[in-house]
Amino acid sequence: MSILVSGSVAFDHVMVFPDRFAKHILPDKLHILNVSFNIDRLQTHFGGVAGNIAYGLRLLGEDPLVLAVAGSDFAPYADWLDANRIRRDGIRVLGDVRCAQGFVTTDLDDNQIWAFYEGALARAHEARVEDLREEPSLAIVSANSRRAMLEHARALRARKVPIFVDPSHALPILERDELVELIESAAAYVANDYEWAKTLTQSGLSEAEIEARCGAVVITKGEQGSEIRAEGRRIQIPGVRAERVVDPTGCGDAYRAGLLYGRARGLPWLVSGRLGSVIGACQVSVEGPQGLQLDLPELRRRYEREFGESF
């Protein structure tokens, strides 16, 4: 049985600003913000959270099922998925609109400014869980259109499939009751530390109330590692130092791939979080969210080197 990955399939346009945003943004002028960043590097990559997570899972030998929509310009992405043996029978291609597009500018401190064109993503609900022929063992509902996230979660719950909920950059489009619904009964709610703070504000719930409504809370903290709140414990996952820092794009998605791989295999939260941490550090060392080359034996070696034990 496969891991279902629902979310966006997009083209990511990654730009590098050879300076620091903080030097060019005046805090007392934010109300009339008008800035331009001179970019010295631009690359276009295959991306979107669903595509990125599925790519990481495939590296580890899993057979992820992507549930997403794509647009009329999908052909090169489709070829890429085929070349990497990632199934696309759950991807619905819409011929009258383009694929979603992400535009990110990264500075020397690895701060990022994103802009996102939704394109086909506005009709993401047209890729339906109900149309899938197989029963996934585990699923992640990641950033997507509001309607798609809600409908996918409801349909998966009806089929009693454990769900990891990870709205990430789509968090602002959710109403309070919708966010609470997604959290309710999820196998895990996943967020970075900024998104976690926003989740508390947006949901109106306390940390304890959110933890009581789902199986686990996973909070990623970049190079500081992550924290997993599950089974009545707070499990601290140390950050893994990257061999070199090239591009942080897709690091969070790589972490999620490792986390899902571990949980799908029945591994403890501690081990699953460590796997995510290792893969996330590897991802930082390459350009683009789907440029990592890693297999399971290499992951085992890196894990043992970092933690002094195998998994």
Protein backbone atom coordinates (compact mmCIF):
# COMPACT_ATOMS: atom_id res chain seq x y z
CA MET A 1 0.00 0.00 0.00
CA SER A 2 1.24 3.45 -0.88
CA ILE A 3 1.59 6.81 0.83
CA LEU A 4 -0.82 9.34 -0.66
CA VAL A 5 0.66 12.82 -1.10
CA SER A 6 -1.91 15.51 -1.82
CA GLY A 7 -0.92 19.09 -2.50
CA SER A 8 0.57 21.28 -5.18
CA VAL A 9 2.55 20.37 -8.28
CA ALA A 10 4.29 23.52 -9.48
CA PHE A 11 7.25 25.07 -11.21
CA ASP A 12 9.57 26.86 -8.77
CA HIS A 13 11.53 29.86 -10.02
CA VAL A 14 14.39 30.23 -7.54
CA MET A 15 16.27 33.53 -7.39
CA VAL A 16 19.30 34.31 -5.23
CA PHE A 17 19.86 37.82 -3.87
CA PRO A 18 23.61 38.22 -3.13
CA ASP A 19 22.97 40.40 -0.08
CA ARG A 20 20.67 40.58 2.95
CA PHE A 21 17.05 41.73 2.87
CA ALA A 22 17.52 43.44 6.23
CA LYS A 23 19.91 45.97 4.70
CA HIS A 24 17.32 47.10 2.15
CA ILE A 25 14.04 47.07 4.05
CA LEU A 26 13.46 50.05 6.32
CA PRO A 27 11.32 48.99 9.30
CA ASP A 28 9.78 52.45 9.71
CA LYS A 29 8.72 52.53 6.05
CA LEU A 30 6.88 49.22 5.82
CA HIS A 31 3.60 51.05 5.23
CA ILE A 32 5.02 52.41 1.94
CA LEU A 33 7.23 49.46 1.06
CA ASN A 34 8.77 49.72 -2.40
CA VAL A 35 11.90 47.62 -2.83
CA SER A 36 13.68 45.90 -5.68
CA PHE A 37 16.31 43.20 -5.31
CA ASN A 38 18.99 42.82 -7.97
CA ILE A 39 19.16 39.09 -8.70
CA ASP A 40 22.32 37.45 -10.02
CA ARG A 41 20.99 33.90 -10.36
CA LEU A 42 17.69 32.44 -11.57
CA GLN A 43 16.80 28.79 -12.04
CA THR A 44 13.50 27.04 -12.68
CA HIS A 45 12.89 23.72 -10.94
CA PHE A 46 10.16 21.14 -10.70
CA GLY A 47 8.46 21.72 -7.36
CA GLY A 48 5.24 22.09 -5.41
CA VAL A 49 4.94 20.49 -2.00
CA ALA A 50 3.31 17.29 -3.26
CA GLY A 51 5.92 16.83 -5.97
CA ASN A 52 8.75 17.52 -3.54
CA ILE A 53 7.54 15.16 -0.82
CA ALA A 54 6.84 12.42 -3.37
CA TYR A 55 10.34 12.85 -4.81
CA GLY A 56 11.88 12.39 -1.35
CA LEU A 57 9.78 9.30 -0.66
CA ARG A 58 10.75 7.77 -4.00
CA LEU A 59 14.45 8.24 -3.19
CA LEU A 60 13.87 6.03 -0.15
CA GLY A 61 12.21 3.30 -2.19
CA GLU A 62 8.58 4.17 -1.43
CA ASP A 63 5.91 4.24 -4.14
CA PRO A 64 4.08 7.51 -3.39
CA LEU A 65 0.76 8.33 -5.02
CA VAL A 66 0.49 12.04 -5.88
CA LEU A 67 -3.02 13.51 -5.77
CA ALA A 68 -2.88 16.87 -7.54
CA VAL A 69 -3.86 18.93 -10.56
CA ALA A 70 -1.54 20.26 -13.27
CA GLY A 71 -1.93 22.60 -16.23
CA SER A 72 -1.32 22.76 -19.96
CA ASP A 73 2.45 23.25 -19.47
CA PHE A 74 2.80 20.01 -17.46
CA ALA A 75 4.59 17.95 -20.17
CA PRO A 76 8.22 18.52 -19.03
CA TYR A 77 7.22 17.86 -15.43
CA ALA A 78 5.45 14.67 -16.48
CA ASP A 79 8.63 13.51 -18.24
CA TRP A 80 10.60 14.26 -15.07
CA LEU A 81 8.23 12.21 -12.93
CA ASP A 82 8.42 9.32 -15.38
CA ALA A 83 12.23 9.48 -15.40
CA ASN A 84 12.21 9.25 -11.61
CA ARG A 85 9.57 6.51 -11.55
CA ILE A 86 7.04 8.62 -9.65
CA ARG A 87 3.48 7.65 -10.49
CA ARG A 88 1.18 10.31 -11.88
CA ASP A 89 -2.07 8.41 -12.24
CA GLY A 90 -3.48 10.58 -9.44
CA ILE A 91 -2.57 13.84 -11.23
CA ARG A 92 -5.38 15.41 -13.24
CA VAL A 93 -4.20 17.61 -16.13
CA LEU A 94 -6.34 20.67 -16.94
CA GLY A 95 -5.76 21.86 -20.49
CA ASP A 96 -7.14 25.39 -20.16
CA VAL A 97 -4.89 26.75 -17.40
CA ARG A 98 -1.17 26.68 -16.54
CA CYS A 99 0.49 24.81 -13.71
CA ALA A 100 0.93 26.62 -10.43
CA GLN A 101 4.11 28.70 -10.27
CA GLY A 102 6.20 29.62 -7.24
CA PHE A 103 8.63 32.54 -7.26
CA VAL A 104 11.15 32.70 -4.40
CA THR A 105 13.99 35.08 -3.65
CA THR A 106 16.57 33.88 -1.11
CA ASP A 107 19.13 36.15 0.57
CA LEU A 108 22.54 35.37 2.11
CA ASP A 109 20.92 34.59 5.48
CA ASP A 110 18.62 32.03 3.82
CA ASN A 111 15.60 34.26 4.39
CA GLN A 112 13.03 33.79 1.66
CA ILE A 113 10.32 35.90 0.06
CA TRP A 114 7.74 33.89 -1.89
CA ALA A 115 5.07 34.81 -4.40
CA PHE A 116 2.70 32.16 -5.70
CA TYR A 117 0.53 31.98 -8.81
CA GLU A 118 -2.13 29.35 -8.19
CA GLY A 119 -3.06 28.53 -11.81
CA ALA A 120 -4.47 25.00 -11.95
CA LEU A 121 -4.33 24.82 -8.17
CA ALA A 122 -7.55 26.83 -7.98
CA ARG A 123 -9.30 23.69 -9.26
CA ALA A 124 -7.34 21.22 -7.13
CA HIS A 125 -10.58 19.76 -5.78
CA GLU A 126 -11.12 18.16 -9.21
CA ALA A 127 -8.47 15.58 -8.28
CA ARG A 128 -10.59 13.50 -5.92
CA VAL A 129 -9.73 10.93 -3.28
CA GLU A 130 -12.94 9.12 -4.23
CA ASP A 131 -11.56 8.43 -7.71
CA LEU A 132 -8.49 6.57 -6.45
CA ARG A 133 -8.54 2.85 -7.04
CA GLU A 134 -6.24 1.85 -4.20
CA GLU A 135 -6.34 2.34 -0.46
CA PRO A 136 -3.30 4.26 0.85
CA SER A 137 -1.76 3.23 4.16
CA LEU A 138 -0.98 6.82 5.12
CA ALA A 139 -1.66 10.25 3.65
CA ILE A 140 -0.49 13.81 3.92
CA VAL A 141 -2.78 16.74 3.19
CA SER A 142 -0.32 19.49 2.33
CA ALA A 143 -0.66 23.03 0.95
CA ASN A 144 -3.38 23.19 -1.67
CA SER A 145 -6.53 25.14 -2.40
CA ARG A 146 -8.83 25.57 0.59
CA ARG A 147 -11.56 23.40 -0.89
CA ALA A 148 -9.13 20.64 -1.87
CA MET A 149 -7.52 20.44 1.57
CA LEU A 150 -10.88 20.17 3.29
CA GLU A 151 -12.42 17.71 0.83
CA HIS A 152 -9.33 15.50 0.73
CA ALA A 153 -9.17 15.36 4.54
CA ARG A 154 -12.87 14.51 4.82
CA ALA A 155 -12.68 11.77 2.19
CA LEU A 156 -9.56 10.23 3.75
CA ARG A 157 -11.13 10.27 7.20
CA ALA A 158 -14.19 8.52 5.79
CA ARG A 159 -11.86 5.79 4.53
CA LYS A 160 -10.11 5.68 7.93
CA VAL A 161 -6.73 6.57 6.41
CA PRO A 162 -4.31 8.18 8.94
CA ILE A 163 -3.70 11.79 7.85
CA PHE A 164 -0.75 14.12 8.37
CA VAL A 165 -2.06 17.69 8.02
CA ASP A 166 0.47 20.26 6.79
CA PRO A 167 -1.14 23.44 5.41
CA SER A 168 2.19 25.38 5.50
CA HIS A 169 1.97 28.47 3.25
CA ALA A 170 -1.76 27.83 2.61
CA LEU A 171 -2.51 28.40 6.30
CA PRO A 172 -3.69 32.02 5.80
CA ILE A 173 -6.49 31.02 3.41
CA LEU A 174 -8.20 28.82 6.01
CA GLU A 175 -10.99 30.10 8.22
CA ARG A 176 -10.74 29.34 11.92
CA ASP A 177 -13.33 26.54 11.86
CA GLU A 178 -11.71 25.00 8.78
CA LEU A 179 -8.28 24.91 10.42
CA VAL A 180 -9.73 23.34 13.56
CA GLU A 181 -11.50 20.74 11.42
CA LEU A 182 -8.24 19.80 9.72
CA ILE A 183 -6.46 19.47 13.06
CA GLU A 184 -9.24 17.37 14.57
CA SER A 185 -8.33 13.67 14.65
CA ALA A 186 -5.26 14.11 12.39
CA ALA A 187 -2.52 11.56 12.95
CA ALA A 188 -0.19 14.57 13.11
CA TYR A 189 -0.28 18.30 12.56
CA VAL A 190 2.97 19.54 10.99
CA ALA A 191 4.22 23.14 10.92
CA ASN A 192 7.40 25.15 11.11
CA ASP A 193 7.88 27.36 14.16
CA TYR A 194 6.42 30.45 12.46
CA GLU A 195 3.41 28.49 11.20
CA TRP A 196 2.91 27.01 14.65
CA ALA A 197 2.67 30.48 16.18
CA LYS A 198 0.23 31.48 13.44
CA THR A 199 -1.78 28.29 14.01
CA LEU A 200 -2.28 29.20 17.66
CA THR A 201 -3.47 32.70 16.76
CA GLN A 202 -5.63 31.61 13.86
CA SER A 203 -7.29 28.65 15.58
CA GLY A 204 -7.84 30.43 18.90
CA LEU A 205 -6.76 27.22 20.60
CA SER A 206 -4.02 26.75 23.17
CA GLU A 207 -1.07 24.42 22.57
CA ALA A 208 -2.59 21.88 24.93
CA GLU A 209 -5.95 22.05 23.17
CA ILE A 210 -4.40 21.41 19.76
CA GLU A 211 -2.30 18.55 21.11
CA ALA A 212 -5.44 16.98 22.57
CA ARG A 213 -7.24 17.12 19.22
CA CYS A 214 -4.67 15.22 17.14
CA GLY A 215 -2.29 12.34 17.49
CA ALA A 216 0.91 14.39 17.37
CA VAL A 217 2.23 17.88 16.73
CA VAL A 218 5.46 18.23 14.73
CA ILE A 219 7.20 21.62 14.84
CA THR A 220 10.23 22.11 12.60
CA LYS A 221 12.81 24.75 13.53
CA GLY A 222 15.27 24.83 10.63
CA GLU A 223 18.87 24.26 11.67
CA GLN A 224 17.70 24.05 15.29
CA GLY A 225 16.02 20.72 14.56
CA SER A 226 12.42 19.90 15.42
CA GLU A 227 10.11 19.03 18.28
CA ILE A 228 7.55 16.24 18.22
CA ARG A 229 4.79 16.26 20.79
CA ALA A 230 3.30 12.80 20.90
CA GLU A 231 2.36 10.05 23.34
CA GLY A 232 2.47 12.51 26.23
CA ARG A 233 6.08 13.47 25.54
CA ARG A 234 8.02 16.30 23.94
CA ILE A 235 10.64 14.67 21.77
CA GLN A 236 13.54 16.93 20.81
CA ILE A 237 15.09 16.14 17.41
CA PRO A 238 18.50 17.77 16.97
CA GLY A 239 19.35 19.59 13.79
CA VAL A 240 21.83 17.90 11.48
CA ARG A 241 24.60 20.08 10.11
CA ALA A 242 24.57 20.30 6.32
CA GLU A 243 27.84 19.44 4.59
CA ARG A 244 27.39 22.68 2.67
CA VAL A 245 24.58 25.22 2.41
CA VAL A 246 23.49 25.81 -1.18
CA ASP A 247 19.72 26.34 -1.22
CA PRO A 248 17.14 25.91 1.57
CA THR A 249 14.25 25.48 -0.90
CA GLY A 250 12.47 22.19 -0.30
CA CYS A 251 14.22 21.43 2.99
CA GLY A 252 10.93 21.25 4.89
CA ASP A 253 9.41 18.97 2.27
CA ALA A 254 12.44 16.67 2.49
CA TYR A 255 11.98 16.51 6.27
CA ARG A 256 8.36 15.52 5.76
CA ALA A 257 9.36 12.75 3.37
CA GLY A 258 11.65 11.28 6.01
CA LEU A 259 9.00 11.63 8.71
CA LEU A 260 6.34 9.94 6.56
CA TYR A 261 8.72 7.17 5.55
CA GLY A 262 9.46 6.40 9.19
CA ARG A 263 5.86 6.43 10.35
CA ALA A 264 4.67 4.36 7.38
CA ARG A 265 7.27 1.76 8.38
CA GLY A 266 6.09 1.77 11.99
CA LEU A 267 9.24 3.46 13.31
CA PRO A 268 9.05 5.50 16.55
CA TRP A 269 8.54 9.26 16.43
CA LEU A 270 12.12 9.82 17.56
CA VAL A 271 13.57 7.81 14.70
CA SER A 272 11.14 9.24 12.14
CA GLY A 273 12.01 12.79 13.18
CA ARG A 274 15.71 12.02 12.98
CA LEU A 275 15.24 10.65 9.47
CA GLY A 276 13.53 13.88 8.49
CA SER A 277 16.37 15.88 10.01
CA VAL A 278 19.02 13.94 8.07
CA ILE A 279 17.21 14.23 4.73
CA GLY A 280 16.49 17.91 5.33
CA ALA A 281 20.19 18.60 5.88
CA CYS A 282 21.06 16.70 2.71
CA GLN A 283 18.48 18.74 0.77
CA VAL A 284 20.09 22.04 1.79
CA SER A 285 23.27 20.92 0.03
CA VAL A 286 21.74 20.90 -3.47
CA GLU A 287 19.99 23.39 -5.72
CA GLY A 288 16.26 23.08 -6.23
CA PRO A 289 13.68 21.07 -4.29
CA GLN A 290 14.07 17.92 -6.40
CA GLY A 291 17.82 17.83 -7.00
CA LEU A 292 18.86 15.54 -4.14
CA GLN A 293 20.48 12.22 -4.98
CA LEU A 294 20.18 9.86 -2.02
CA ASP A 295 19.24 6.23 -1.55
CA LEU A 296 18.29 4.19 1.49
CA PRO A 297 21.78 2.69 2.13
CA GLU A 298 23.33 6.17 2.08
CA LEU A 299 20.60 7.45 4.40
CA ARG A 300 21.37 4.62 6.82
CA ARG A 301 25.09 5.50 6.78
CA ARG A 302 24.40 9.18 7.43
CA TYR A 303 21.91 8.35 10.18
CA GLU A 304 24.40 6.08 11.94
CA ARG A 305 27.13 8.73 11.62
CA GLU A 306 24.89 11.37 13.20
CA PHE A 307 23.21 9.36 15.95
CA GLY A 308 25.55 6.45 16.62
CA GLU A 309 22.94 3.81 15.93
CA SER A 310 21.00 2.30 13.04
CA PHE A 311 17.27 2.36 12.32
